[in-house]
PDB file of N, CA and C in Angstrom:
ATOM      1  N   MET A   1       0.844 -33.760  41.541  1.00  0.00           N
ATOM      2  CA  MET A   1       0.745 -32.185  41.222  1.00  0.00           C
ATOM      3  C   MET A   1      -0.585 -32.358  41.855  1.00  0.00           C
ATOM      4  N   THR A   2      -0.866 -30.981  42.921  1.00  0.00           N
ATOM      5  CA  THR A   2      -1.900 -31.247  43.732  1.00  0.00           C
ATOM      6  C   THR A   2      -3.095 -30.704  42.875  1.00  0.00           C
ATOM      7  N   LYS A   3      -4.363 -30.534  43.232  1.00  0.00           N
ATOM      8  CA  LYS A   3      -5.354 -30.171  42.382  1.00  0.00           C
ATOM      9  C   LYS A   3      -5.078 -28.703  42.421  1.00  0.00           C
ATOM     10  N   THR A   4      -5.037 -28.004  43.284  1.00  0.00           N
ATOM     11  CA  THR A   4      -4.807 -26.332  43.096  1.00  0.00           C
ATOM     12  C   THR A   4      -3.784 -25.973  42.688  1.00  0.00           C
ATOM     13  N   SER A   5      -2.269 -26.687  42.417  1.00  0.00           N
ATOM     14  CA  SER A   5      -1.493 -26.410  42.015  1.00  0.00           C
ATOM     15  C   SER A   5      -1.735 -26.566  39.905  1.00  0.00           C
ATOM     16  N   PHE A   6      -2.351 -27.659  39.632  1.00  0.00           N
ATOM     17  CA  PHE A   6      -2.861 -27.903  38.454  1.00  0.00           C
ATOM     18  C   PHE A   6      -3.776 -26.788  38.112  1.00  0.00           C
ATOM     19  N   SER A   7      -5.144 -26.311  38.795  1.00  0.00           N
ATOM     20  CA  SER A   7      -5.844 -25.030  38.763  1.00  0.00           C
ATOM     21  C   SER A   7      -4.818 -23.778  38.129  1.00  0.00           C
ATOM     22  N   LEU A   8      -3.977 -23.536  38.934  1.00  0.00           N
ATOM     23  CA  LEU A   8      -2.872 -22.247  38.715  1.00  0.00           C
ATOM     24  C   LEU A   8      -2.041 -22.460  37.460  1.00  0.00           C
ATOM     25  N   LEU A   9      -1.759 -23.548  37.105  1.00  0.00           N
ATOM     26  CA  LEU A   9      -1.128 -23.876  36.263  1.00  0.00           C
ATOM     27  C   LEU A   9      -2.376 -23.335  34.806  1.00  0.00           C
ATOM     28  N   ILE A  10      -3.252 -23.777  34.714  1.00  0.00           N
ATOM     29  CA  ILE A  10      -4.323 -23.720  33.452  1.00  0.00           C
ATOM     30  C   ILE A  10      -4.443 -22.209  33.472  1.00  0.00           C
ATOM     31  N   ILE A  11      -4.877 -21.347  34.567  1.00  0.00           N
ATOM     32  CA  ILE A  11      -5.164 -20.291  34.664  1.00  0.00           C
ATOM     33  C   ILE A  11      -3.952 -19.185  34.207  1.00  0.00           C
ATOM     34  N   ILE A  12      -2.839 -19.589  34.480  1.00  0.00           N
ATOM     35  CA  ILE A  12      -1.709 -19.216  34.248  1.00  0.00           C
ATOM     36  C   ILE A  12      -1.298 -18.920  32.359  1.00  0.00           C
ATOM     37  N   ALA A  13      -1.637 -20.793  32.227  1.00  0.00           N
ATOM     38  CA  ALA A  13      -1.674 -20.560  30.627  1.00  0.00           C
ATOM     39  C   ALA A  13      -2.939 -19.708  29.629  1.00  0.00           C
ATOM     40  N   LEU A  14      -3.924 -20.106  30.321  1.00  0.00           N
ATOM     41  CA  LEU A  14      -4.669 -19.190  29.375  1.00  0.00           C
ATOM     42  C   LEU A  14      -4.281 -17.865  29.485  1.00  0.00           C
ATOM     43  N   ALA A  15      -4.206 -17.150  30.487  1.00  0.00           N
ATOM     44  CA  ALA A  15      -3.690 -15.564  30.441  1.00  0.00           C
ATOM     45  C   ALA A  15      -2.661 -15.698  29.776  1.00  0.00           C
ATOM     46  N   THR A  16      -2.035 -16.313  29.668  1.00  0.00           N
ATOM     47  CA  THR A  16      -0.657 -16.197  28.777  1.00  0.00           C
ATOM     48  C   THR A  16      -0.818 -16.155  27.084  1.00  0.00           C
ATOM     49  N   SER A  17      -1.797 -17.181  26.875  1.00  0.00           N
ATOM     50  CA  SER A  17      -2.570 -17.052  25.626  1.00  0.00           C
ATOM     51  C   SER A  17      -3.486 -16.168  25.230  1.00  0.00           C
ATOM     52  N   CYS A  18      -4.113 -15.830  25.901  1.00  0.00           N
ATOM     53  CA  CYS A  18      -5.192 -14.564  25.647  1.00  0.00           C
ATOM     54  C   CYS A  18      -4.192 -13.147  25.382  1.00  0.00           C
ATOM     55  N   GLN A  19      -2.838 -13.239  25.893  1.00  0.00           N
ATOM     56  CA  GLN A  19      -2.321 -11.938  26.292  1.00  0.00           C
ATOM     57  C   GLN A  19      -1.858 -12.041  24.822  1.00  0.00           C
ATOM     58  N   GLN A  20      -0.979 -13.352  24.145  1.00  0.00           N
ATOM     59  CA  GLN A  20      -0.336 -13.665  23.186  1.00  0.00           C
ATOM     60  C   GLN A  20      -1.377 -13.033  21.712  1.00  0.00           C
ATOM     61  N   LYS A  21      -2.784 -13.513  22.053  1.00  0.00           N
ATOM     62  CA  LYS A  21      -4.022 -13.171  20.823  1.00  0.00           C
ATOM     63  C   LYS A  21      -4.015 -11.866  20.830  1.00  0.00           C
ATOM     64  N   GLN A  22      -4.064 -11.270  22.124  1.00  0.00           N
ATOM     65  CA  GLN A  22      -4.548  -9.766  21.793  1.00  0.00           C
ATOM     66  C   GLN A  22      -3.090  -8.875  21.306  1.00  0.00           C
ATOM     67  N   GLN A  23      -1.733  -9.237  21.497  1.00  0.00           N
ATOM     68  CA  GLN A  23      -0.916  -8.739  20.781  1.00  0.00           C
ATOM     69  C   GLN A  23      -0.664  -8.879  19.527  1.00  0.00           C
ATOM     70  N   ALA A  24      -1.312 -10.259  18.752  1.00  0.00           N
ATOM     71  CA  ALA A  24      -1.101 -10.468  17.904  1.00  0.00           C
ATOM     72  C   ALA A  24      -2.220  -9.442  17.110  1.00  0.00           C
ATOM     73  N   LYS A  25      -3.576  -9.197  17.335  1.00  0.00           N
ATOM     74  CA  LYS A  25      -4.727  -8.625  17.085  1.00  0.00           C
ATOM     75  C   LYS A  25      -3.947  -7.078  16.557  1.00  0.00           C
ATOM     76  N   ASN A  26      -3.195  -6.560  17.491  1.00  0.00           N
ATOM     77  CA  ASN A  26      -2.996  -5.237  17.761  1.00  0.00           C
ATOM     78  C   ASN A  26      -1.994  -4.901  16.600  1.00  0.00           C
ATOM     79  N   ILE A  27      -0.934  -5.805  16.370  1.00  0.00           N
ATOM     80  CA  ILE A  27       0.379  -6.028  14.901  1.00  0.00           C
ATOM     81  C   ILE A  27      -0.686  -6.016  13.648  1.00  0.00           C
ATOM     82  N   GLU A  28      -1.645  -7.070  13.995  1.00  0.00           N
ATOM     83  CA  GLU A  28      -2.600  -7.322  12.485  1.00  0.00           C
ATOM     84  C   GLU A  28      -3.218  -5.665  12.379  1.00  0.00           C
ATOM     85  N   ILE A  29      -4.112  -5.067  13.252  1.00  0.00           N
ATOM     86  CA  ILE A  29      -4.436  -3.748  13.032  1.00  0.00           C
ATOM     87  C   ILE A  29      -3.453  -2.539  12.551  1.00  0.00           C
ATOM     88  N   THR A  30      -2.479  -2.570  13.432  1.00  0.00           N
ATOM     89  CA  THR A  30      -1.111  -1.365  13.180  1.00  0.00           C
ATOM     90  C   THR A  30      -0.764  -2.194  11.676  1.00  0.00           C
ATOM     91  N   ALA A  31      -0.577  -3.120  11.215  1.00  0.00           N
ATOM     92  CA  ALA A  31      -0.176  -3.575   9.758  1.00  0.00           C
ATOM     93  C   ALA A  31      -1.060  -3.184   8.745  1.00  0.00           C
ATOM     94  N   VAL A  32      -2.763  -3.648   8.847  1.00  0.00           N
ATOM     95  CA  VAL A  32      -3.440  -2.953   7.745  1.00  0.00           C
ATOM     96  C   VAL A  32      -3.526  -1.089   7.706  1.00  0.00           C
ATOM     97  N   HIS A  33      -3.566  -0.552   8.924  1.00  0.00           N
ATOM     98  CA  HIS A  33      -3.454   1.011   9.002  1.00  0.00           C
ATOM     99  C   HIS A  33      -2.378   1.605   8.501  1.00  0.00           C
ATOM    100  N   ASP A  34      -1.301   0.760   8.893  1.00  0.00           N
ATOM    101  CA  ASP A  34      -0.278   1.765   8.299  1.00  0.00           C
ATOM    102  C   ASP A  34       0.438   0.904   6.861  1.00  0.00           C
ATOM    103  N   SER A  35      -0.421   0.213   5.842  1.00  0.00           N
ATOM    104  CA  SER A  35      -0.099  -0.764   4.699  1.00  0.00           C
ATOM    105  C   SER A  35      -0.782   0.757   3.598  1.00  0.00           C
ATOM    106  N   ILE A  36       0.414   0.089   2.934  1.00  0.00           N
ATOM    107  CA  ILE A  36       0.584   1.302   1.440  1.00  0.00           C
ATOM    108  C   ILE A  36       0.577   0.274   0.389  1.00  0.00           C
ATOM    109  N   ALA A  37      -0.513   0.746  -0.511  1.00  0.00           N
ATOM    110  CA  ALA A  37      -1.013  -0.519  -1.455  1.00  0.00           C
ATOM    111  C   ALA A  37      -1.785   0.419  -2.796  1.00  0.00           C
ATOM    112  N   VAL A  38      -1.066  -0.021  -4.125  1.00  0.00           N
ATOM    113  CA  VAL A  38      -1.237   0.682  -5.417  1.00  0.00           C
ATOM    114  C   VAL A  38      -2.148  -0.218  -6.208  1.00  0.00           C
ATOM    115  N   ILE A  39      -3.478   0.398  -6.390  1.00  0.00           N
ATOM    116  CA  ILE A  39      -4.796  -0.111  -6.815  1.00  0.00           C
ATOM    117  C   ILE A  39      -4.666   0.284  -8.449  1.00  0.00           C
ATOM    118  N   PRO A  40      -4.323  -0.299  -9.856  1.00  0.00           N
ATOM    119  CA  PRO A  40      -4.572  -0.113 -10.734  1.00  0.00           C
ATOM    120  C   PRO A  40      -6.241  -0.292 -11.498  1.00  0.00           C
ATOM    121  N   PHE A  41      -6.702   0.904 -12.194  1.00  0.00           N
ATOM    122  CA  PHE A  41      -7.869   0.564 -12.833  1.00  0.00           C
ATOM    123  C   PHE A  41      -8.073   1.364 -14.033  1.00  0.00           C
ATOM    124  N   GLU A  42      -8.811   0.800 -14.550  1.00  0.00           N
ATOM    125  CA  GLU A  42      -9.197   1.268 -16.325  1.00  0.00           C
ATOM    126  C   GLU A  42     -10.298   2.517 -15.916  1.00  0.00           C
ATOM    127  N   LEU A  43      -9.774   3.369 -16.857  1.00  0.00           N
ATOM    128  CA  LEU A  43     -10.890   4.845 -17.014  1.00  0.00           C
ATOM    129  C   LEU A  43     -12.112   4.195 -18.240  1.00  0.00           C
ATOM    130  N   GLU A  44     -12.943   4.854 -17.210  1.00  0.00           N
ATOM    131  CA  GLU A  44     -14.454   4.680 -18.233  1.00  0.00           C
ATOM    132  C   GLU A  44     -14.151   5.267 -19.894  1.00  0.00           C
ATOM    133  N   GLY A  45     -14.801   3.893 -20.837  1.00  0.00           N
ATOM    134  CA  GLY A  45     -14.384   4.009 -21.917  1.00  0.00           C
ATOM    135  C   GLY A  45     -13.351   3.183 -22.304  1.00  0.00           C
ATOM    136  N   GLY A  46     -12.568   2.425 -21.394  1.00  0.00           N
ATOM    137  CA  GLY A  46     -11.831   1.708 -21.701  1.00  0.00           C
ATOM    138  C   GLY A  46     -10.314   1.955 -22.358  1.00  0.00           C
ATOM    139  N   GLY A  47      -9.303   1.264 -22.130  1.00  0.00           N
ATOM    140  CA  GLY A  47      -8.051   1.345 -23.118  1.00  0.00           C
ATOM    141  C   GLY A  47      -7.081   2.300 -22.692  1.00  0.00           C
ATOM    142  N   SER A  48      -7.291   2.934 -21.534  1.00  0.00           N
ATOM    143  CA  SER A  48      -6.556   4.167 -20.680  1.00  0.00           C
ATOM    144  C   SER A  48      -6.910   3.287 -19.238  1.00  0.00           C
ATOM    145  N   TRP A  49      -5.804   3.744 -18.511  1.00  0.00           N
ATOM    146  CA  TRP A  49      -5.897   3.224 -17.154  1.00  0.00           C
ATOM    147  C   TRP A  49      -5.217   4.267 -16.210  1.00  0.00           C
ATOM    148  N   GLY A  50      -5.397   4.338 -14.670  1.00  0.00           N
ATOM    149  CA  GLY A  50      -4.739   4.806 -13.816  1.00  0.00           C
ATOM    150  C   GLY A  50      -4.516   4.218 -12.387  1.00  0.00           C
ATOM    151  N   PHE A  51      -4.107   4.911 -11.587  1.00  0.00           N
ATOM    152  CA  PHE A  51      -4.174   4.384 -10.221  1.00  0.00           C
ATOM    153  C   PHE A  51      -4.204   4.741  -8.940  1.00  0.00           C
ATOM    154  N   LYS A  52      -4.574   4.321  -7.977  1.00  0.00           N
ATOM    155  CA  LYS A  52      -4.905   5.104  -6.638  1.00  0.00           C
ATOM    156  C   LYS A  52      -3.690   4.414  -5.466  1.00  0.00           C
ATOM    157  N   ILE A  53      -3.144   5.208  -4.707  1.00  0.00           N
ATOM    158  CA  ILE A  53      -2.320   4.613  -3.717  1.00  0.00           C
ATOM    159  C   ILE A  53      -3.360   4.825  -2.476  1.00  0.00           C
ATOM    160  N   ASN A  54      -3.828   3.765  -1.909  1.00  0.00           N
ATOM    161  CA  ASN A  54      -3.960   3.986  -0.558  1.00  0.00           C
ATOM    162  C   ASN A  54      -3.573   3.641   0.910  1.00  0.00           C
ATOM    163  N   VAL A  55      -3.444   3.964   1.687  1.00  0.00           N
ATOM    164  CA  VAL A  55      -2.522   4.355   3.028  1.00  0.00           C
ATOM    165  C   VAL A  55      -3.645   3.685   3.814  1.00  0.00           C
ATOM    166  N   GLY A  56      -3.563   2.649   4.520  1.00  0.00           N
ATOM    167  CA  GLY A  56      -4.445   1.827   5.223  1.00  0.00           C
ATOM    168  C   GLY A  56      -5.492   1.790   4.218  1.00  0.00           C
ATOM    169  N   HIS A  57      -6.804   2.084   4.864  1.00  0.00           N
ATOM    170  CA  HIS A  57      -8.280   2.136   3.971  1.00  0.00           C
ATOM    171  C   HIS A  57      -8.483   3.559   3.103  1.00  0.00           C
ATOM    172  N   LYS A  58      -7.760   4.152   3.320  1.00  0.00           N
ATOM    173  CA  LYS A  58      -7.644   5.495   2.502  1.00  0.00           C
ATOM    174  C   LYS A  58      -6.815   5.982   1.608  1.00  0.00           C
ATOM    175  N   THR A  59      -7.919   6.451   0.501  1.00  0.00           N
ATOM    176  CA  THR A  59      -7.124   6.785  -0.567  1.00  0.00           C
ATOM    177  C   THR A  59      -6.404   8.356  -0.800  1.00  0.00           C
ATOM    178  N   PHE A  60      -5.011   7.731  -0.478  1.00  0.00           N
ATOM    179  CA  PHE A  60      -4.269   9.152  -0.347  1.00  0.00           C
ATOM    180  C   PHE A  60      -3.515   9.675  -1.519  1.00  0.00           C
ATOM    181  N   ILE A  61      -3.670   9.091  -2.844  1.00  0.00           N
ATOM    182  CA  ILE A  61      -3.520   9.455  -4.552  1.00  0.00           C
ATOM    183  C   ILE A  61      -4.509   9.163  -5.144  1.00  0.00           C
ATOM    184  N   TYR A  62      -4.961  10.040  -6.103  1.00  0.00           N
ATOM    185  CA  TYR A  62      -5.922   9.298  -7.104  1.00  0.00           C
ATOM    186  C   TYR A  62      -4.612   9.728  -8.582  1.00  0.00           C
ATOM    187  N   GLN A  63      -4.482   8.945  -8.947  1.00  0.00           N
ATOM    188  CA  GLN A  63      -3.825   9.477 -10.422  1.00  0.00           C
ATOM    189  C   GLN A  63      -4.345   8.809 -11.734  1.00  0.00           C
ATOM    190  N   ASP A  64      -5.074   9.652 -12.008  1.00  0.00           N
ATOM    191  CA  ASP A  64      -5.712   9.158 -13.454  1.00  0.00           C
ATOM    192  C   ASP A  64      -5.019   9.780 -15.030  1.00  0.00           C
ATOM    193  N   ILE A  65      -4.004  10.259 -14.760  1.00  0.00           N
ATOM    194  CA  ILE A  65      -2.919  10.956 -15.734  1.00  0.00           C
ATOM    195  C   ILE A  65      -1.678  10.640 -15.480  1.00  0.00           C
ATOM    196  N   ILE A  66      -0.851  10.744 -16.683  1.00  0.00           N
ATOM    197  CA  ILE A  66       0.915  10.364 -16.589  1.00  0.00           C
ATOM    198  C   ILE A  66       1.381  11.367 -15.600  1.00  0.00           C
ATOM    199  N   PRO A  67       1.825  11.693 -14.588  1.00  0.00           N
ATOM    200  CA  PRO A  67       2.080  12.691 -13.706  1.00  0.00           C
ATOM    201  C   PRO A  67       3.307  13.399 -14.107  1.00  0.00           C
ATOM    202  N   THR A  68       3.541  14.839 -13.816  1.00  0.00           N
ATOM    203  CA  THR A  68       4.824  15.249 -14.593  1.00  0.00           C
ATOM    204  C   THR A  68       4.682  15.997 -16.533  1.00  0.00           C
ATOM    205  N   ILE A  69       4.413  14.824 -16.937  1.00  0.00           N
ATOM    206  CA  ILE A  69       3.660  15.391 -18.246  1.00  0.00           C
ATOM    207  C   ILE A  69       2.574  16.739 -18.283  1.00  0.00           C
ATOM    208  N   ALA A  70       3.331  17.573 -19.052  1.00  0.00           N
ATOM    209  CA  ALA A  70       1.810  18.639 -19.695  1.00  0.00           C
ATOM    210  C   ALA A  70       1.092  17.960 -20.354  1.00  0.00           C
ATOM    211  N   GLY A  71      -0.453  18.657 -19.754  1.00  0.00           N
ATOM    212  CA  GLY A  71      -1.450  18.021 -20.806  1.00  0.00           C
ATOM    213  C   GLY A  71      -1.975  16.624 -19.579  1.00  0.00           C
ATOM    214  N   ARG A  72      -2.823  16.080 -20.697  1.00  0.00           N
ATOM    215  CA  ARG A  72      -3.478  14.930 -19.776  1.00  0.00           C
ATOM    216  C   ARG A  72      -3.557  13.912 -20.707  1.00  0.00           C
ATOM    217  N   HIS A  73      -2.251  13.601 -20.587  1.00  0.00           N
ATOM    218  CA  HIS A  73      -1.995  11.910 -21.421  1.00  0.00           C
ATOM    219  C   HIS A  73      -2.240  11.086 -20.110  1.00  0.00           C
ATOM    220  N   TYR A  74      -2.899   9.898 -20.637  1.00  0.00           N
ATOM    221  CA  TYR A  74      -3.458   8.406 -20.116  1.00  0.00           C
ATOM    222  C   TYR A  74      -2.214   7.373 -20.005  1.00  0.00           C
ATOM    223  N   PHE A  75      -2.396   6.743 -19.115  1.00  0.00           N
ATOM    224  CA  PHE A  75      -1.424   5.324 -18.954  1.00  0.00           C
ATOM    225  C   PHE A  75      -2.094   4.582 -20.212  1.00  0.00           C
ATOM    226  N   GLN A  76      -1.238   3.998 -20.993  1.00  0.00           N
ATOM    227  CA  GLN A  76      -1.765   3.315 -21.819  1.00  0.00           C
ATOM    228  C   GLN A  76      -2.180   1.855 -21.591  1.00  0.00           C
ATOM    229  N   THR A  77      -1.473   1.223 -20.887  1.00  0.00           N
ATOM    230  CA  THR A  77      -1.277  -0.144 -19.863  1.00  0.00           C
ATOM    231  C   THR A  77      -1.784   0.016 -18.454  1.00  0.00           C
ATOM    232  N   LYS A  78      -2.246  -0.963 -18.301  1.00  0.00           N
ATOM    233  CA  LYS A  78      -2.235  -1.423 -16.364  1.00  0.00           C
ATOM    234  C   LYS A  78      -0.387  -1.466 -15.813  1.00  0.00           C
ATOM    235  N   GLU A  79       0.178  -2.163 -16.572  1.00  0.00           N
ATOM    236  CA  GLU A  79       1.292  -2.264 -16.720  1.00  0.00           C
ATOM    237  C   GLU A  79       2.399  -0.964 -15.916  1.00  0.00           C
ATOM    238  N   ASP A  80       1.955   0.118 -17.031  1.00  0.00           N
ATOM    239  CA  ASP A  80       2.930   1.170 -16.836  1.00  0.00           C
ATOM    240  C   ASP A  80       1.880   1.992 -15.554  1.00  0.00           C
ATOM    241  N   ALA A  81       0.801   2.059 -15.500  1.00  0.00           N
ATOM    242  CA  ALA A  81       0.206   2.559 -14.200  1.00  0.00           C
ATOM    243  C   ALA A  81       0.719   1.875 -12.993  1.00  0.00           C
ATOM    244  N   GLN A  82       0.811   0.526 -12.808  1.00  0.00           N
ATOM    245  CA  GLN A  82       1.289  -0.119 -12.133  1.00  0.00           C
ATOM    246  C   GLN A  82       2.483   0.022 -11.698  1.00  0.00           C
ATOM    247  N   LYS A  83       3.399   0.051 -12.568  1.00  0.00           N
ATOM    248  CA  LYS A  83       5.301   0.699 -12.087  1.00  0.00           C
ATOM    249  C   LYS A  83       5.257   1.897 -11.641  1.00  0.00           C
ATOM    250  N   VAL A  84       4.456   3.239 -12.124  1.00  0.00           N
ATOM    251  CA  VAL A  84       4.564   4.165 -11.656  1.00  0.00           C
ATOM    252  C   VAL A  84       4.015   4.389 -10.314  1.00  0.00           C
ATOM    253  N   GLY A  85       2.951   3.817  -9.870  1.00  0.00           N
ATOM    254  CA  GLY A  85       2.654   3.728  -8.532  1.00  0.00           C
ATOM    255  C   GLY A  85       3.750   2.966  -7.577  1.00  0.00           C
ATOM    256  N   ASP A  86       4.162   2.251  -8.297  1.00  0.00           N
ATOM    257  CA  ASP A  86       4.847   1.335  -7.551  1.00  0.00           C
ATOM    258  C   ASP A  86       6.492   2.137  -7.150  1.00  0.00           C
ATOM    259  N   LEU A  87       6.719   2.962  -7.953  1.00  0.00           N
ATOM    260  CA  LEU A  87       7.826   3.898  -7.762  1.00  0.00           C
ATOM    261  C   LEU A  87       7.244   4.996  -6.517  1.00  0.00           C
ATOM    262  N   MET A  88       6.002   5.193  -6.938  1.00  0.00           N
ATOM    263  CA  MET A  88       5.505   6.529  -5.724  1.00  0.00           C
ATOM    264  C   MET A  88       5.574   5.677  -4.306  1.00  0.00           C
ATOM    265  N   VAL A  89       5.371   4.704  -4.287  1.00  0.00           N
ATOM    266  CA  VAL A  89       5.058   3.805  -3.120  1.00  0.00           C
ATOM    267  C   VAL A  89       6.443   3.516  -2.413  1.00  0.00           C
ATOM    268  N   ALA A  90       7.477   3.476  -3.252  1.00  0.00           N
ATOM    269  CA  ALA A  90       8.665   3.120  -2.288  1.00  0.00           C
ATOM    270  C   ALA A  90       9.282   4.700  -2.232  1.00  0.00           C
ATOM    271  N   LYS A  91       8.923   5.455  -2.715  1.00  0.00           N
ATOM    272  CA  LYS A  91       9.211   6.954  -2.299  1.00  0.00           C
ATOM    273  C   LYS A  91       9.082   7.556  -1.260  1.00  0.00           C
ATOM    274  N   MET A  92       7.307   7.113  -1.131  1.00  0.00           N
ATOM    275  CA  MET A  92       6.939   7.049   0.450  1.00  0.00           C
ATOM    276  C   MET A  92       7.225   6.565   1.063  1.00  0.00           C
ATOM    277  N   ARG A  93       7.535   5.488   1.409  1.00  0.00           N
ATOM    278  CA  ARG A  93       8.229   4.932   2.333  1.00  0.00           C
ATOM    279  C   ARG A  93       9.722   5.344   2.564  1.00  0.00           C
ATOM    280  N   SER A  94      10.263   5.607   1.581  1.00  0.00           N
ATOM    281  CA  SER A  94      11.927   6.211   2.180  1.00  0.00           C
ATOM    282  C   SER A  94      11.347   7.495   2.873  1.00  0.00           C
ATOM    283  N   ASN A  95      10.576   8.401   2.090  1.00  0.00           N
ATOM    284  CA  ASN A  95      10.192   9.734   2.739  1.00  0.00           C
ATOM    285  C   ASN A  95       9.330  10.021   3.738  1.00  0.00           C
ATOM    286  N   GLY A  96       8.847   8.817   4.509  1.00  0.00           N
ATOM    287  CA  GLY A  96       7.851   9.124   5.553  1.00  0.00           C
ATOM    288  C   GLY A  96       6.386   9.050   5.186  1.00  0.00           C
ATOM    289  N   LYS A  97       6.168   8.669   3.971  1.00  0.00           N
ATOM    290  CA  LYS A  97       4.824   9.007   3.284  1.00  0.00           C
ATOM    291  C   LYS A  97       4.457  10.260   3.128  1.00  0.00           C
ATOM    292  N   SER A  98       5.579  11.060   2.542  1.00  0.00           N
ATOM    293  CA  SER A  98       5.109  12.346   2.252  1.00  0.00           C
ATOM    294  C   SER A  98       4.706  12.077   0.915  1.00  0.00           C
ATOM    295  N   PHE A  99       4.080  13.217   0.368  1.00  0.00           N
ATOM    296  CA  PHE A  99       3.845  13.149  -1.443  1.00  0.00           C
ATOM    297  C   PHE A  99       5.233  12.723  -2.327  1.00  0.00           C
ATOM    298  N   PRO A 100       5.034  12.145  -3.005  1.00  0.00           N
ATOM    299  CA  PRO A 100       6.059  11.747  -4.088  1.00  0.00           C
ATOM    300  C   PRO A 100       6.074  12.752  -5.114  1.00  0.00           C
ATOM    301  N   ILE A 101       7.484  13.063  -5.770  1.00  0.00           N
ATOM    302  CA  ILE A 101       7.477  13.422  -6.995  1.00  0.00           C
ATOM    303  C   ILE A 101       8.266  12.659  -7.934  1.00  0.00           C
ATOM    304  N   ILE A 102       7.539  12.323  -9.102  1.00  0.00           N
ATOM    305  CA  ILE A 102       8.181  11.514 -10.388  1.00  0.00           C
ATOM    306  C   ILE A 102       8.727  12.653 -11.153  1.00  0.00           C
ATOM    307  N   SER A 103       9.881  12.367 -11.673  1.00  0.00           N
ATOM    308  CA  SER A 103      10.721  12.982 -12.624  1.00  0.00           C
ATOM    309  C   SER A 103       9.959  12.767 -14.069  1.00  0.00           C
ATOM    310  N   LYS A 104      10.639  13.436 -15.178  1.00  0.00           N
ATOM    311  CA  LYS A 104      10.255  13.160 -16.236  1.00  0.00           C
ATOM    312  C   LYS A 104      11.245  11.696 -16.787  1.00  0.00           C
ATOM    313  N   GLN A 105      12.425  12.537 -16.380  1.00  0.00           N
ATOM    314  CA  GLN A 105      13.617  10.964 -16.633  1.00  0.00           C
ATOM    315  C   GLN A 105      13.223   9.723 -15.724  1.00  0.00           C
ATOM    316  N   GLU A 106      12.482   9.425 -14.385  1.00  0.00           N
ATOM    317  CA  GLU A 106      12.322   8.690 -14.079  1.00  0.00           C
ATOM    318  C   GLU A 106      11.359   7.704 -15.267  1.00  0.00           C
ATOM    319  N   LEU A 107      10.198   8.612 -15.704  1.00  0.00           N
ATOM    320  CA  LEU A 107       9.095   7.898 -16.859  1.00  0.00           C
ATOM    321  C   LEU A 107      10.135   7.308 -17.972  1.00  0.00           C
ATOM    322  N   LEU A 108      11.024   7.971 -18.146  1.00  0.00           N
ATOM    323  CA  LEU A 108      11.652   7.812 -19.401  1.00  0.00           C
ATOM    324  C   LEU A 108      12.481   6.316 -18.997  1.00  0.00           C
ATOM    325  N   ASP A 109      12.662   6.788 -18.175  1.00  0.00           N
ATOM    326  CA  ASP A 109      13.728   5.185 -17.302  1.00  0.00           C
ATOM    327  C   ASP A 109      13.144   4.132 -17.811  1.00  0.00           C
ATOM    328  N   MET A 110      11.540   4.269 -17.269  1.00  0.00           N
ATOM    329  CA  MET A 110      10.429   3.109 -16.505  1.00  0.00           C
ATOM    330  C   MET A 110       9.778   2.574 -18.232  1.00  0.00           C
ATOM    331  N   LYS A 111      10.266   3.654 -19.456  1.00  0.00           N
ATOM    332  CA  LYS A 111       9.841   3.408 -20.751  1.00  0.00           C
ATOM    333  C   LYS A 111       8.036   3.250 -20.541  1.00  0.00           C
ATOM    334  N   ILE A 112       7.614   4.216 -19.878  1.00  0.00           N
ATOM    335  CA  ILE A 112       6.417   4.440 -19.840  1.00  0.00           C
ATOM    336  C   ILE A 112       5.773   4.860 -21.139  1.00  0.00           C
ATOM    337  N   ALA A 113       4.754   4.098 -21.867  1.00  0.00           N
ATOM    338  CA  ALA A 113       4.356   4.609 -23.111  1.00  0.00           C
ATOM    339  C   ALA A 113       3.979   5.950 -23.228  1.00  0.00           C
ATOM    340  N   GLY A 114       3.949   6.886 -24.194  1.00  0.00           N
ATOM    341  CA  GLY A 114       3.710   8.134 -24.275  1.00  0.00           C
ATOM    342  C   GLY A 114       4.336   9.359 -23.381  1.00  0.00           C
ATOM    343  N   VAL A 115       5.307   8.948 -22.958  1.00  0.00           N
ATOM    344  CA  VAL A 115       6.548   9.878 -22.477  1.00  0.00           C
ATOM    345  C   VAL A 115       7.661   9.826 -23.121  1.00  0.00           C
ATOM    346  N   GLU A 116       8.044  11.208 -24.082  1.00  0.00           N
ATOM    347  CA  GLU A 116       8.908  11.550 -24.785  1.00  0.00           C
ATOM    348  C   GLU A 116       9.688  12.282 -24.648  1.00  0.00           C
TER     349      GLU A 116
END
């Protein structure tokens, strides 16, 4: 292999490597931007829970009470808040990130404490 051919081979390899790294970086940025995450949190005073749903780095839903139920009823456990948040995220993913609606029956089916 001549010196010129070897140099050309190295340049092509470097260019291909840089292009692949840029594509991977673009995928990572898109994944973070399009990610949907449920983040449970404990309310002040303790003993009650809520959750927020982030789309990318922004809060899309802040839910500090049990949805659908009349009055201000709080999630009694972190697990209940997480379950309802997960259901909302599943609905958002199937409906193109639109605002999800939760029914009382769905809350009953999940056995969310405080829902009768």
